[in-house]
Amino acid sequence: MTEADVLEWLRVCFDPELPVNIVDLGFINRVAVGNDDRAVGDETRYRVLIEVTMRAPNEEREAMLLGQISNRLAGIRQISRAEVAITWEPSWTAERMSPSARRQLGLDRPSSDGLVQIRL
């Protein structure tokens, strides 16, 4: 299991207010994957640590997002333990978004009056 695997699995988790997944929004700061030597059974199992940065503090949105991530990781058979933590450093900025996210939100298209519009 790799960081890329975990990021791909998290592409089904979305910010509750935006129609873009958290990976493309740039919310994932860190993914750490390691063997879980305490796991029971013959199959290799992994422990995963995810650090997430949000756009802005909001307890309800944070709880929803952490719940999505935790539920998604709990559904992956190879993962025996997962920890998800919110961190505010480095802070999130729009520059962290992927080109795909920027296109989805209309950030790369100037509006007719020269301002950028974001569709929510």
PDB file of N, CA and C in Angstrom:
ATOM      1  N   MET A   1       0.845  -1.174   0.000  1.00  0.00           N
ATOM      2  CA  MET A   1       0.000   0.000   0.000  1.00  0.00           C
ATOM      3  C   MET A   1       0.888   1.233   0.000  1.00  0.00           C
ATOM      4  N   THR A   2       0.501   2.216  -0.801  1.00  0.00           N
ATOM      5  CA  THR A   2       1.298   3.436  -0.938  1.00  0.00           C
ATOM      6  C   THR A   2       0.447   4.677  -0.634  1.00  0.00           C
ATOM      7  N   GLU A   3       1.119   5.794  -0.512  1.00  0.00           N
ATOM      8  CA  GLU A   3       0.432   7.074  -0.345  1.00  0.00           C
ATOM      9  C   GLU A   3      -0.510   7.320  -1.527  1.00  0.00           C
ATOM     10  N   ALA A   4      -0.057   6.983  -2.729  1.00  0.00           N
ATOM     11  CA  ALA A   4      -0.888   7.182  -3.923  1.00  0.00           C
ATOM     12  C   ALA A   4      -2.179   6.362  -3.844  1.00  0.00           C
ATOM     13  N   ASP A   5      -2.102   5.140  -3.310  1.00  0.00           N
ATOM     14  CA  ASP A   5      -3.307   4.313  -3.136  1.00  0.00           C
ATOM     15  C   ASP A   5      -4.301   5.014  -2.223  1.00  0.00           C
ATOM     16  N   VAL A   6      -3.801   5.510  -1.094  1.00  0.00           N
ATOM     17  CA  VAL A   6      -4.669   6.167  -0.111  1.00  0.00           C
ATOM     18  C   VAL A   6      -5.296   7.420  -0.720  1.00  0.00           C
ATOM     19  N   LEU A   7      -4.507   8.217  -1.423  1.00  0.00           N
ATOM     20  CA  LEU A   7      -5.042   9.420  -2.057  1.00  0.00           C
ATOM     21  C   LEU A   7      -6.132   9.072  -3.066  1.00  0.00           C
ATOM     22  N   GLU A   8      -5.925   8.010  -3.818  1.00  0.00           N
ATOM     23  CA  GLU A   8      -6.942   7.593  -4.792  1.00  0.00           C
ATOM     24  C   GLU A   8      -8.228   7.190  -4.078  1.00  0.00           C
ATOM     25  N   TRP A   9      -8.120   6.472  -2.978  1.00  0.00           N
ATOM     26  CA  TRP A   9      -9.306   6.075  -2.218  1.00  0.00           C
ATOM     27  C   TRP A   9     -10.036   7.284  -1.647  1.00  0.00           C
ATOM     28  N   LEU A  10      -9.314   8.352  -1.323  1.00  0.00           N
ATOM     29  CA  LEU A  10      -9.930   9.540  -0.726  1.00  0.00           C
ATOM     30  C   LEU A  10     -10.590  10.462  -1.741  1.00  0.00           C
ATOM     31  N   ARG A  11     -10.468  10.158  -3.009  1.00  0.00           N
ATOM     32  CA  ARG A  11     -11.094  10.991  -4.046  1.00  0.00           C
ATOM     33  C   ARG A  11     -12.622  10.923  -4.024  1.00  0.00           C
ATOM     34  N   VAL A  12     -13.184  10.039  -3.209  1.00  0.00           N
ATOM     35  CA  VAL A  12     -14.646   9.980  -3.081  1.00  0.00           C
ATOM     36  C   VAL A  12     -15.138  10.832  -1.904  1.00  0.00           C
ATOM     37  N   CYS A  13     -14.223  11.503  -1.203  1.00  0.00           N
ATOM     38  CA  CYS A  13     -14.581  12.369  -0.077  1.00  0.00           C
ATOM     39  C   CYS A  13     -14.608  13.819  -0.569  1.00  0.00           C
ATOM     40  N   PHE A  14     -15.689  14.515  -0.227  1.00  0.00           N
ATOM     41  CA  PHE A  14     -15.890  15.868  -0.739  1.00  0.00           C
ATOM     42  C   PHE A  14     -16.071  16.866   0.388  1.00  0.00           C
ATOM     43  N   ASP A  15     -15.619  18.100   0.143  1.00  0.00           N
ATOM     44  CA  ASP A  15     -15.942  19.209   1.023  1.00  0.00           C
ATOM     45  C   ASP A  15     -17.468  19.324   0.998  1.00  0.00           C
ATOM     46  N   PRO A  16     -18.122  19.435   2.153  1.00  0.00           N
ATOM     47  CA  PRO A  16     -19.585  19.513   2.173  1.00  0.00           C
ATOM     48  C   PRO A  16     -20.159  20.710   1.414  1.00  0.00           C
ATOM     49  N   GLU A  17     -19.345  21.719   1.146  1.00  0.00           N
ATOM     50  CA  GLU A  17     -19.843  22.926   0.488  1.00  0.00           C
ATOM     51  C   GLU A  17     -19.411  23.066  -0.963  1.00  0.00           C
ATOM     52  N   LEU A  18     -18.492  22.231  -1.431  1.00  0.00           N
ATOM     53  CA  LEU A  18     -17.976  22.356  -2.795  1.00  0.00           C
ATOM     54  C   LEU A  18     -18.065  21.008  -3.510  1.00  0.00           C
ATOM     55  N   PRO A  19     -18.347  21.006  -4.801  1.00  0.00           N
ATOM     56  CA  PRO A  19     -18.471  19.755  -5.546  1.00  0.00           C
ATOM     57  C   PRO A  19     -17.135  19.214  -6.062  1.00  0.00           C
ATOM     58  N   VAL A  20     -16.108  19.274  -5.213  1.00  0.00           N
ATOM     59  CA  VAL A  20     -14.766  18.839  -5.600  1.00  0.00           C
ATOM     60  C   VAL A  20     -14.221  17.963  -4.480  1.00  0.00           C
ATOM     61  N   ASN A  21     -13.503  16.901  -4.857  1.00  0.00           N
ATOM     62  CA  ASN A  21     -12.963  16.009  -3.829  1.00  0.00           C
ATOM     63  C   ASN A  21     -11.820  16.679  -3.053  1.00  0.00           C
ATOM     64  N   ILE A  22     -11.598  16.165  -1.852  1.00  0.00           N
ATOM     65  CA  ILE A  22     -10.627  16.786  -0.944  1.00  0.00           C
ATOM     66  C   ILE A  22      -9.186  16.659  -1.415  1.00  0.00           C
ATOM     67  N   VAL A  23      -8.904  15.666  -2.226  1.00  0.00           N
ATOM     68  CA  VAL A  23      -7.539  15.515  -2.749  1.00  0.00           C
ATOM     69  C   VAL A  23      -7.258  16.639  -3.746  1.00  0.00           C
ATOM     70  N   ASP A  24      -8.180  16.855  -4.692  1.00  0.00           N
ATOM     71  CA  ASP A  24      -7.981  17.914  -5.681  1.00  0.00           C
ATOM     72  C   ASP A  24      -8.073  19.308  -5.078  1.00  0.00           C
ATOM     73  N   LEU A  25      -8.829  19.441  -3.983  1.00  0.00           N
ATOM     74  CA  LEU A  25      -8.878  20.739  -3.303  1.00  0.00           C
ATOM     75  C   LEU A  25      -7.573  21.052  -2.572  1.00  0.00           C
ATOM     76  N   GLY A  26      -6.743  20.048  -2.364  1.00  0.00           N
ATOM     77  CA  GLY A  26      -5.466  20.266  -1.682  1.00  0.00           C
ATOM     78  C   GLY A  26      -5.588  20.230  -0.168  1.00  0.00           C
ATOM     79  N   PHE A  27      -6.606  19.550   0.337  1.00  0.00           N
ATOM     80  CA  PHE A  27      -6.809  19.465   1.784  1.00  0.00           C
ATOM     81  C   PHE A  27      -5.867  18.477   2.466  1.00  0.00           C
ATOM     82  N   ILE A  28      -5.337  17.526   1.709  1.00  0.00           N
ATOM     83  CA  ILE A  28      -4.496  16.492   2.318  1.00  0.00           C
ATOM     84  C   ILE A  28      -3.064  17.007   2.432  1.00  0.00           C
ATOM     85  N   ASN A  29      -2.603  17.183   3.661  1.00  0.00           N
ATOM     86  CA  ASN A  29      -1.233  17.646   3.905  1.00  0.00           C
ATOM     87  C   ASN A  29      -0.240  16.499   3.914  1.00  0.00           C
ATOM     88  N   ARG A  30      -0.668  15.398   4.499  1.00  0.00           N
ATOM     89  CA  ARG A  30       0.283  14.301   4.711  1.00  0.00           C
ATOM     90  C   ARG A  30      -0.459  12.976   4.754  1.00  0.00           C
ATOM     91  N   VAL A  31       0.154  11.979   4.150  1.00  0.00           N
ATOM     92  CA  VAL A  31      -0.312  10.599   4.248  1.00  0.00           C
ATOM     93  C   VAL A  31       0.896   9.764   4.637  1.00  0.00           C
ATOM     94  N   ALA A  32       0.776   9.038   5.728  1.00  0.00           N
ATOM     95  CA  ALA A  32       1.845   8.129   6.157  1.00  0.00           C
ATOM     96  C   ALA A  32       1.255   6.726   6.227  1.00  0.00           C
ATOM     97  N   VAL A  33       1.934   5.784   5.597  1.00  0.00           N
ATOM     98  CA  VAL A  33       1.489   4.394   5.560  1.00  0.00           C
ATOM     99  C   VAL A  33       2.597   3.515   6.114  1.00  0.00           C
ATOM    100  N   GLY A  34       2.232   2.612   7.002  1.00  0.00           N
ATOM    101  CA  GLY A  34       3.220   1.693   7.556  1.00  0.00           C
ATOM    102  C   GLY A  34       2.584   0.353   7.873  1.00  0.00           C
ATOM    103  N   ASN A  35       3.410  -0.680   7.935  1.00  0.00           N
ATOM    104  CA  ASN A  35       2.903  -1.996   8.330  1.00  0.00           C
ATOM    105  C   ASN A  35       2.379  -1.940   9.751  1.00  0.00           C
ATOM    106  N   ASP A  36       1.274  -2.637  10.001  1.00  0.00           N
ATOM    107  CA  ASP A  36       0.728  -2.720  11.353  1.00  0.00           C
ATOM    108  C   ASP A  36       1.121  -4.071  11.927  1.00  0.00           C
ATOM    109  N   ASP A  37       2.189  -4.089  12.699  1.00  0.00           N
ATOM    110  CA  ASP A  37       2.695  -5.326  13.283  1.00  0.00           C
ATOM    111  C   ASP A  37       1.773  -5.892  14.349  1.00  0.00           C
ATOM    112  N   ARG A  38       0.842  -5.072  14.850  1.00  0.00           N
ATOM    113  CA  ARG A  38      -0.094  -5.532  15.874  1.00  0.00           C
ATOM    114  C   ARG A  38      -1.353  -6.154  15.282  1.00  0.00           C
ATOM    115  N   ALA A  39      -1.525  -6.074  13.966  1.00  0.00           N
ATOM    116  CA  ALA A  39      -2.728  -6.611  13.328  1.00  0.00           C
ATOM    117  C   ALA A  39      -2.752  -8.133  13.430  1.00  0.00           C
ATOM    118  N   VAL A  40      -3.927  -8.675  13.620  1.00  0.00           N
ATOM    119  CA  VAL A  40      -4.127 -10.118  13.760  1.00  0.00           C
ATOM    120  C   VAL A  40      -4.336 -10.733  12.374  1.00  0.00           C
ATOM    121  N   GLY A  41      -3.801 -11.925  12.177  1.00  0.00           N
ATOM    122  CA  GLY A  41      -4.000 -12.651  10.920  1.00  0.00           C
ATOM    123  C   GLY A  41      -2.740 -12.734  10.095  1.00  0.00           C
ATOM    124  N   ASP A  42      -2.842 -13.477   9.003  1.00  0.00           N
ATOM    125  CA  ASP A  42      -1.687 -13.706   8.140  1.00  0.00           C
ATOM    126  C   ASP A  42      -1.521 -12.625   7.075  1.00  0.00           C
ATOM    127  N   GLU A  43      -2.585 -11.943   6.762  1.00  0.00           N
ATOM    128  CA  GLU A  43      -2.549 -10.929   5.712  1.00  0.00           C
ATOM    129  C   GLU A  43      -1.846  -9.672   6.223  1.00  0.00           C
ATOM    130  N   THR A  44      -1.028  -9.048   5.374  1.00  0.00           N
ATOM    131  CA  THR A  44      -0.373  -7.800   5.739  1.00  0.00           C
ATOM    132  C   THR A  44      -1.430  -6.720   5.890  1.00  0.00           C
ATOM    133  N   ARG A  45      -1.392  -6.031   7.012  1.00  0.00           N
ATOM    134  CA  ARG A  45      -2.335  -4.944   7.277  1.00  0.00           C
ATOM    135  C   ARG A  45      -1.527  -3.682   7.529  1.00  0.00           C
ATOM    136  N   TYR A  46      -2.160  -2.543   7.297  1.00  0.00           N
ATOM    137  CA  TYR A  46      -1.457  -1.268   7.359  1.00  0.00           C
ATOM    138  C   TYR A  46      -2.131  -0.298   8.322  1.00  0.00           C
ATOM    139  N   ARG A  47      -1.299   0.575   8.880  1.00  0.00           N
ATOM    140  CA  ARG A  47      -1.808   1.701   9.650  1.00  0.00           C
ATOM    141  C   ARG A  47      -1.573   2.945   8.792  1.00  0.00           C
ATOM    142  N   VAL A  48      -2.525   3.853   8.852  1.00  0.00           N
ATOM    143  CA  VAL A  48      -2.487   5.038   8.000  1.00  0.00           C
ATOM    144  C   VAL A  48      -2.722   6.279   8.855  1.00  0.00           C
ATOM    145  N   LEU A  49      -1.920   7.290   8.614  1.00  0.00           N
ATOM    146  CA  LEU A  49      -2.097   8.590   9.252  1.00  0.00           C
ATOM    147  C   LEU A  49      -2.375   9.607   8.148  1.00  0.00           C
ATOM    148  N   ILE A  50      -3.439  10.370   8.324  1.00  0.00           N
ATOM    149  CA  ILE A  50      -3.801  11.413   7.362  1.00  0.00           C
ATOM    150  C   ILE A  50      -3.844  12.736   8.116  1.00  0.00           C
ATOM    151  N   GLU A  51      -3.175  13.763   7.587  1.00  0.00           N
ATOM    152  CA  GLU A  51      -3.290  15.117   8.124  1.00  0.00           C
ATOM    153  C   GLU A  51      -4.024  15.961   7.091  1.00  0.00           C
ATOM    154  N   VAL A  52      -5.066  16.629   7.544  1.00  0.00           N
ATOM    155  CA  VAL A  52      -5.957  17.392   6.670  1.00  0.00           C
ATOM    156  C   VAL A  52      -5.941  18.859   7.082  1.00  0.00           C
ATOM    157  N   THR A  53      -5.921  19.744   6.097  1.00  0.00           N
ATOM    158  CA  THR A  53      -6.105  21.175   6.321  1.00  0.00           C
ATOM    159  C   THR A  53      -7.434  21.561   5.704  1.00  0.00           C
ATOM    160  N   MET A  54      -8.212  22.337   6.411  1.00  0.00           N
ATOM    161  CA  MET A  54      -9.504  22.794   5.908  1.00  0.00           C
ATOM    162  C   MET A  54      -9.371  24.230   5.406  1.00  0.00           C
ATOM    163  N   ARG A  55     -10.390  24.669   4.647  1.00  0.00           N
ATOM    164  CA  ARG A  55     -10.378  26.045   4.145  1.00  0.00           C
ATOM    165  C   ARG A  55     -10.505  27.054   5.273  1.00  0.00           C
ATOM    166  N   ALA A  56     -11.343  26.748   6.249  1.00  0.00           N
ATOM    167  CA  ALA A  56     -11.576  27.650   7.382  1.00  0.00           C
ATOM    168  C   ALA A  56     -12.174  26.837   8.516  1.00  0.00           C
ATOM    169  N   PRO A  57     -11.968  27.266   9.744  1.00  0.00           N
ATOM    170  CA  PRO A  57     -12.543  26.534  10.879  1.00  0.00           C
ATOM    171  C   PRO A  57     -14.072  26.524  10.817  1.00  0.00           C
ATOM    172  N   ASN A  58     -14.650  25.359  11.031  1.00  0.00           N
ATOM    173  CA  ASN A  58     -16.098  25.189  11.089  1.00  0.00           C
ATOM    174  C   ASN A  58     -16.328  23.803  11.668  1.00  0.00           C
ATOM    175  N   GLU A  59     -16.778  23.740  12.908  1.00  0.00           N
ATOM    176  CA  GLU A  59     -16.877  22.458  13.604  1.00  0.00           C
ATOM    177  C   GLU A  59     -17.762  21.456  12.879  1.00  0.00           C
ATOM    178  N   GLU A  60     -18.879  21.916  12.342  1.00  0.00           N
ATOM    179  CA  GLU A  60     -19.796  21.001  11.650  1.00  0.00           C
ATOM    180  C   GLU A  60     -19.155  20.432  10.391  1.00  0.00           C
ATOM    181  N   ARG A  61     -18.540  21.294   9.590  1.00  0.00           N
ATOM    182  CA  ARG A  61     -17.892  20.843   8.356  1.00  0.00           C
ATOM    183  C   ARG A  61     -16.702  19.934   8.673  1.00  0.00           C
ATOM    184  N   GLU A  62     -15.942  20.288   9.711  1.00  0.00           N
ATOM    185  CA  GLU A  62     -14.810  19.450  10.110  1.00  0.00           C
ATOM    186  C   GLU A  62     -15.283  18.056  10.497  1.00  0.00           C
ATOM    187  N   ALA A  63     -16.337  17.976  11.300  1.00  0.00           N
ATOM    188  CA  ALA A  63     -16.856  16.681  11.734  1.00  0.00           C
ATOM    189  C   ALA A  63     -17.348  15.862  10.545  1.00  0.00           C
ATOM    190  N   MET A  64     -18.040  16.503   9.609  1.00  0.00           N
ATOM    191  CA  MET A  64     -18.530  15.787   8.424  1.00  0.00           C
ATOM    192  C   MET A  64     -17.374  15.242   7.600  1.00  0.00           C
ATOM    193  N   LEU A  65     -16.366  16.073   7.387  1.00  0.00           N
ATOM    194  CA  LEU A  65     -15.242  15.669   6.557  1.00  0.00           C
ATOM    195  C   LEU A  65     -14.423  14.567   7.219  1.00  0.00           C
ATOM    196  N   LEU A  66     -14.143  14.718   8.508  1.00  0.00           N
ATOM    197  CA  LEU A  66     -13.398  13.675   9.221  1.00  0.00           C
ATOM    198  C   LEU A  66     -14.180  12.364   9.226  1.00  0.00           C
ATOM    199  N   GLY A  67     -15.497  12.450   9.350  1.00  0.00           N
ATOM    200  CA  GLY A  67     -16.329  11.255   9.294  1.00  0.00           C
ATOM    201  C   GLY A  67     -16.257  10.570   7.935  1.00  0.00           C
ATOM    202  N   GLN A  68     -16.301  11.349   6.861  1.00  0.00           N
ATOM    203  CA  GLN A  68     -16.180  10.779   5.510  1.00  0.00           C
ATOM    204  C   GLN A  68     -14.853  10.038   5.345  1.00  0.00           C
ATOM    205  N   ILE A  69     -13.774  10.691   5.766  1.00  0.00           N
ATOM    206  CA  ILE A  69     -12.444  10.102   5.611  1.00  0.00           C
ATOM    207  C   ILE A  69     -12.328   8.824   6.446  1.00  0.00           C
ATOM    208  N   SER A  70     -12.738   8.895   7.695  1.00  0.00           N
ATOM    209  CA  SER A  70     -12.656   7.728   8.580  1.00  0.00           C
ATOM    210  C   SER A  70     -13.486   6.568   8.044  1.00  0.00           C
ATOM    211  N   ASN A  71     -14.701   6.856   7.588  1.00  0.00           N
ATOM    212  CA  ASN A  71     -15.558   5.798   7.035  1.00  0.00           C
ATOM    213  C   ASN A  71     -14.954   5.190   5.777  1.00  0.00           C
ATOM    214  N   ARG A  72     -14.387   6.019   4.930  1.00  0.00           N
ATOM    215  CA  ARG A  72     -13.764   5.509   3.701  1.00  0.00           C
ATOM    216  C   ARG A  72     -12.602   4.584   4.028  1.00  0.00           C
ATOM    217  N   LEU A  73     -11.734   5.003   4.937  1.00  0.00           N
ATOM    218  CA  LEU A  73     -10.571   4.183   5.289  1.00  0.00           C
ATOM    219  C   LEU A  73     -10.986   2.909   6.017  1.00  0.00           C
ATOM    220  N   ALA A  74     -12.068   2.975   6.805  1.00  0.00           N
ATOM    221  CA  ALA A  74     -12.554   1.787   7.511  1.00  0.00           C
ATOM    222  C   ALA A  74     -13.052   0.729   6.528  1.00  0.00           C
ATOM    223  N   GLY A  75     -13.430   1.156   5.341  1.00  0.00           N
ATOM    224  CA  GLY A  75     -13.911   0.217   4.334  1.00  0.00           C
ATOM    225  C   GLY A  75     -12.826  -0.444   3.502  1.00  0.00           C
ATOM    226  N   ILE A  76     -11.574  -0.110   3.749  1.00  0.00           N
ATOM    227  CA  ILE A  76     -10.454  -0.691   3.005  1.00  0.00           C
ATOM    228  C   ILE A  76      -9.906  -1.864   3.819  1.00  0.00           C
ATOM    229  N   ARG A  77     -10.042  -3.061   3.279  1.00  0.00           N
ATOM    230  CA  ARG A  77      -9.684  -4.276   4.011  1.00  0.00           C
ATOM    231  C   ARG A  77      -8.245  -4.305   4.511  1.00  0.00           C
ATOM    232  N   GLN A  78      -7.321  -3.749   3.743  1.00  0.00           N
ATOM    233  CA  GLN A  78      -5.907  -3.804   4.105  1.00  0.00           C
ATOM    234  C   GLN A  78      -5.534  -2.850   5.248  1.00  0.00           C
ATOM    235  N   ILE A  79      -6.419  -1.910   5.571  1.00  0.00           N
ATOM    236  CA  ILE A  79      -6.130  -0.940   6.622  1.00  0.00           C
ATOM    237  C   ILE A  79      -6.697  -1.443   7.942  1.00  0.00           C
ATOM    238  N   SER A  80      -5.812  -1.627   8.909  1.00  0.00           N
ATOM    239  CA  SER A  80      -6.265  -2.086  10.221  1.00  0.00           C
ATOM    240  C   SER A  80      -6.454  -0.930  11.193  1.00  0.00           C
ATOM    241  N   ARG A  81      -5.677   0.126  11.025  1.00  0.00           N
ATOM    242  CA  ARG A  81      -5.785   1.296  11.895  1.00  0.00           C
ATOM    243  C   ARG A  81      -5.610   2.556  11.066  1.00  0.00           C
ATOM    244  N   ALA A  82      -6.442   3.549  11.339  1.00  0.00           N
ATOM    245  CA  ALA A  82      -6.320   4.830  10.640  1.00  0.00           C
ATOM    246  C   ALA A  82      -6.526   5.962  11.633  1.00  0.00           C
ATOM    247  N   GLU A  83      -5.716   6.992  11.487  1.00  0.00           N
ATOM    248  CA  GLU A  83      -5.849   8.185  12.306  1.00  0.00           C
ATOM    249  C   GLU A  83      -5.960   9.371  11.364  1.00  0.00           C
ATOM    250  N   VAL A  84      -6.949  10.216  11.620  1.00  0.00           N
ATOM    251  CA  VAL A  84      -7.156  11.407  10.806  1.00  0.00           C
ATOM    252  C   VAL A  84      -7.096  12.613  11.728  1.00  0.00           C
ATOM    253  N   ALA A  85      -6.265  13.575  11.386  1.00  0.00           N
ATOM    254  CA  ALA A  85      -6.098  14.757  12.229  1.00  0.00           C
ATOM    255  C   ALA A  85      -6.187  16.018  11.377  1.00  0.00           C
ATOM    256  N   ILE A  86      -6.768  17.045  11.961  1.00  0.00           N
ATOM    257  CA  ILE A  86      -6.805  18.350  11.301  1.00  0.00           C
ATOM    258  C   ILE A  86      -5.596  19.148  11.774  1.00  0.00           C
ATOM    259  N   THR A  87      -4.956  19.797  10.836  1.00  0.00           N
ATOM    260  CA  THR A  87      -3.846  20.687  11.152  1.00  0.00           C
ATOM    261  C   THR A  87      -4.103  22.003  10.428  1.00  0.00           C
ATOM    262  N   TRP A  88      -3.672  23.078  11.012  1.00  0.00           N
ATOM    263  CA  TRP A  88      -3.890  24.390  10.391  1.00  0.00           C
ATOM    264  C   TRP A  88      -2.591  24.975   9.850  1.00  0.00           C
ATOM    265  N   GLU A  89      -1.503  24.217   9.933  1.00  0.00           N
ATOM    266  CA  GLU A  89      -0.219  24.652   9.386  1.00  0.00           C
ATOM    267  C   GLU A  89       0.318  23.574   8.472  1.00  0.00           C
ATOM    268  N   PRO A  90       0.628  23.835   7.266  1.00  0.00           N
ATOM    269  CA  PRO A  90       0.460  25.127   6.616  1.00  0.00           C
ATOM    270  C   PRO A  90      -1.021  25.390   6.341  1.00  0.00           C
ATOM    271  N   SER A  91      -1.374  26.648   6.309  1.00  0.00           N
ATOM    272  CA  SER A  91      -2.767  27.007   6.073  1.00  0.00           C
ATOM    273  C   SER A  91      -3.120  26.722   4.612  1.00  0.00           C
ATOM    274  N   TRP A  92      -4.406  26.482   4.398  1.00  0.00           N
ATOM    275  CA  TRP A  92      -4.878  26.189   3.047  1.00  0.00           C
ATOM    276  C   TRP A  92      -4.999  27.480   2.256  1.00  0.00           C
ATOM    277  N   THR A  93      -4.572  27.440   0.994  1.00  0.00           N
ATOM    278  CA  THR A  93      -4.782  28.543   0.055  1.00  0.00           C
ATOM    279  C   THR A  93      -5.244  27.936  -1.267  1.00  0.00           C
ATOM    280  N   ALA A  94      -5.832  28.742  -2.097  1.00  0.00           N
ATOM    281  CA  ALA A  94      -6.353  28.265  -3.384  1.00  0.00           C
ATOM    282  C   ALA A  94      -5.248  27.717  -4.288  1.00  0.00           C
ATOM    283  N   GLU A  95      -4.018  28.097  -4.051  1.00  0.00           N
ATOM    284  CA  GLU A  95      -2.910  27.594  -4.860  1.00  0.00           C
ATOM    285  C   GLU A  95      -2.694  26.093  -4.664  1.00  0.00           C
ATOM    286  N   ARG A  96      -3.237  25.541  -3.594  1.00  0.00           N
ATOM    287  CA  ARG A  96      -3.083  24.101  -3.327  1.00  0.00           C
ATOM    288  C   ARG A  96      -3.989  23.245  -4.205  1.00  0.00           C
ATOM    289  N   MET A  97      -4.959  23.861  -4.854  1.00  0.00           N
ATOM    290  CA  MET A  97      -5.904  23.110  -5.671  1.00  0.00           C
ATOM    291  C   MET A  97      -5.248  22.599  -6.955  1.00  0.00           C
ATOM    292  N   SER A  98      -5.702  21.444  -7.381  1.00  0.00           N
ATOM    293  CA  SER A  98      -5.219  20.883  -8.643  1.00  0.00           C
ATOM    294  C   SER A  98      -5.834  21.667  -9.810  1.00  0.00           C
ATOM    295  N   PRO A  99      -5.235  21.556 -11.000  1.00  0.00           N
ATOM    296  CA  PRO A  99      -5.841  22.197 -12.174  1.00  0.00           C
ATOM    297  C   PRO A  99      -7.282  21.715 -12.408  1.00  0.00           C
ATOM    298  N   SER A 100      -7.540  20.451 -12.123  1.00  0.00           N
ATOM    299  CA  SER A 100      -8.886  19.913 -12.282  1.00  0.00           C
ATOM    300  C   SER A 100      -9.879  20.619 -11.355  1.00  0.00           C
ATOM    301  N   ALA A 101      -9.495  20.811 -10.101  1.00  0.00           N
ATOM    302  CA  ALA A 101     -10.362  21.507  -9.144  1.00  0.00           C
ATOM    303  C   ALA A 101     -10.597  22.950  -9.582  1.00  0.00           C
ATOM    304  N   ARG A 102      -9.555  23.596 -10.050  1.00  0.00           N
ATOM    305  CA  ARG A 102      -9.691  24.988 -10.498  1.00  0.00           C
ATOM    306  C   ARG A 102     -10.664  25.075 -11.668  1.00  0.00           C
ATOM    307  N   ARG A 103     -10.598  24.120 -12.588  1.00  0.00           N
ATOM    308  CA  ARG A 103     -11.532  24.105 -13.718  1.00  0.00           C
ATOM    309  C   ARG A 103     -12.965  23.865 -13.233  1.00  0.00           C
ATOM    310  N   GLN A 104     -13.124  22.893 -12.330  1.00  0.00           N
ATOM    311  CA  GLN A 104     -14.459  22.578 -11.824  1.00  0.00           C
ATOM    312  C   GLN A 104     -15.113  23.773 -11.146  1.00  0.00           C
ATOM    313  N   LEU A 105     -14.324  24.569 -10.454  1.00  0.00           N
ATOM    314  CA  LEU A 105     -14.855  25.726  -9.741  1.00  0.00           C
ATOM    315  C   LEU A 105     -14.867  26.993 -10.582  1.00  0.00           C
ATOM    316  N   GLY A 106     -14.376  26.899 -11.803  1.00  0.00           N
ATOM    317  CA  GLY A 106     -14.385  28.045 -12.697  1.00  0.00           C
ATOM    318  C   GLY A 106     -13.364  29.109 -12.341  1.00  0.00           C
ATOM    319  N   LEU A 107     -12.300  28.729 -11.661  1.00  0.00           N
ATOM    320  CA  LEU A 107     -11.301  29.714 -11.237  1.00  0.00           C
ATOM    321  C   LEU A 107     -10.335  30.118 -12.335  1.00  0.00           C
ATOM    322  N   ASP A 108     -10.252  29.344 -13.383  1.00  0.00           N
ATOM    323  CA  ASP A 108      -9.306  29.667 -14.452  1.00  0.00           C
ATOM    324  C   ASP A 108      -9.953  30.429 -15.600  1.00  0.00           C
ATOM    325  N   ARG A 109     -11.241  30.731 -15.460  1.00  0.00           N
ATOM    326  CA  ARG A 109     -11.936  31.467 -16.517  1.00  0.00           C
ATOM    327  C   ARG A 109     -12.291  32.856 -16.014  1.00  0.00           C
ATOM    328  N   PRO A 110     -11.794  33.891 -16.660  1.00  0.00           N
ATOM    329  CA  PRO A 110     -12.216  35.235 -16.247  1.00  0.00           C
ATOM    330  C   PRO A 110     -13.672  35.461 -16.628  1.00  0.00           C
ATOM    331  N   SER A 111     -14.412  36.137 -15.783  1.00  0.00           N
ATOM    332  CA  SER A 111     -15.798  36.465 -16.110  1.00  0.00           C
ATOM    333  C   SER A 111     -15.806  37.628 -17.081  1.00  0.00           C
ATOM    334  N   SER A 112     -16.977  37.980 -17.550  1.00  0.00           N
ATOM    335  CA  SER A 112     -17.075  39.040 -18.551  1.00  0.00           C
ATOM    336  C   SER A 112     -16.635  40.397 -18.017  1.00  0.00           C
ATOM    337  N   ASP A 113     -16.711  40.605 -16.693  1.00  0.00           N
ATOM    338  CA  ASP A 113     -16.278  41.894 -16.144  1.00  0.00           C
ATOM    339  C   ASP A 113     -14.865  41.839 -15.564  1.00  0.00           C
ATOM    340  N   GLY A 114     -14.131  40.754 -15.838  1.00  0.00           N
ATOM    341  CA  GLY A 114     -12.750  40.658 -15.409  1.00  0.00           C
ATOM    342  C   GLY A 114     -12.559  40.040 -14.039  1.00  0.00           C
ATOM    343  N   LEU A 115     -13.644  39.742 -13.335  1.00  0.00           N
ATOM    344  CA  LEU A 115     -13.540  39.119 -12.018  1.00  0.00           C
ATOM    345  C   LEU A 115     -13.707  37.605 -12.151  1.00  0.00           C
ATOM    346  N   VAL A 116     -13.189  36.892 -11.192  1.00  0.00           N
ATOM    347  CA  VAL A 116     -13.326  35.445 -11.185  1.00  0.00           C
ATOM    348  C   VAL A 116     -14.586  35.091 -10.410  1.00  0.00           C
ATOM    349  N   GLN A 117     -15.390  34.186 -10.963  1.00  0.00           N
ATOM    350  CA  GLN A 117     -16.606  33.749 -10.299  1.00  0.00           C
ATOM    351  C   GLN A 117     -16.411  32.321  -9.830  1.00  0.00           C
ATOM    352  N   ILE A 118     -16.917  32.019  -8.635  1.00  0.00           N
ATOM    353  CA  ILE A 118     -16.883  30.664  -8.113  1.00  0.00           C
ATOM    354  C   ILE A 118     -18.309  30.172  -8.011  1.00  0.00           C
ATOM    355  N   ARG A 119     -18.597  29.044  -8.656  1.00  0.00           N
ATOM    356  CA  ARG A 119     -19.940  28.448  -8.580  1.00  0.00           C
ATOM    357  C   ARG A 119     -19.982  27.526  -7.377  1.00  0.00           C
ATOM    358  N   LEU A 120     -20.946  27.714  -6.509  1.00  0.00           N
ATOM    359  CA  LEU A 120     -21.135  26.833  -5.362  1.00  0.00           C
ATOM    360  C   LEU A 120     -22.405  26.046  -5.526  1.00  0.00           C
TER     361      LEU A 120
END
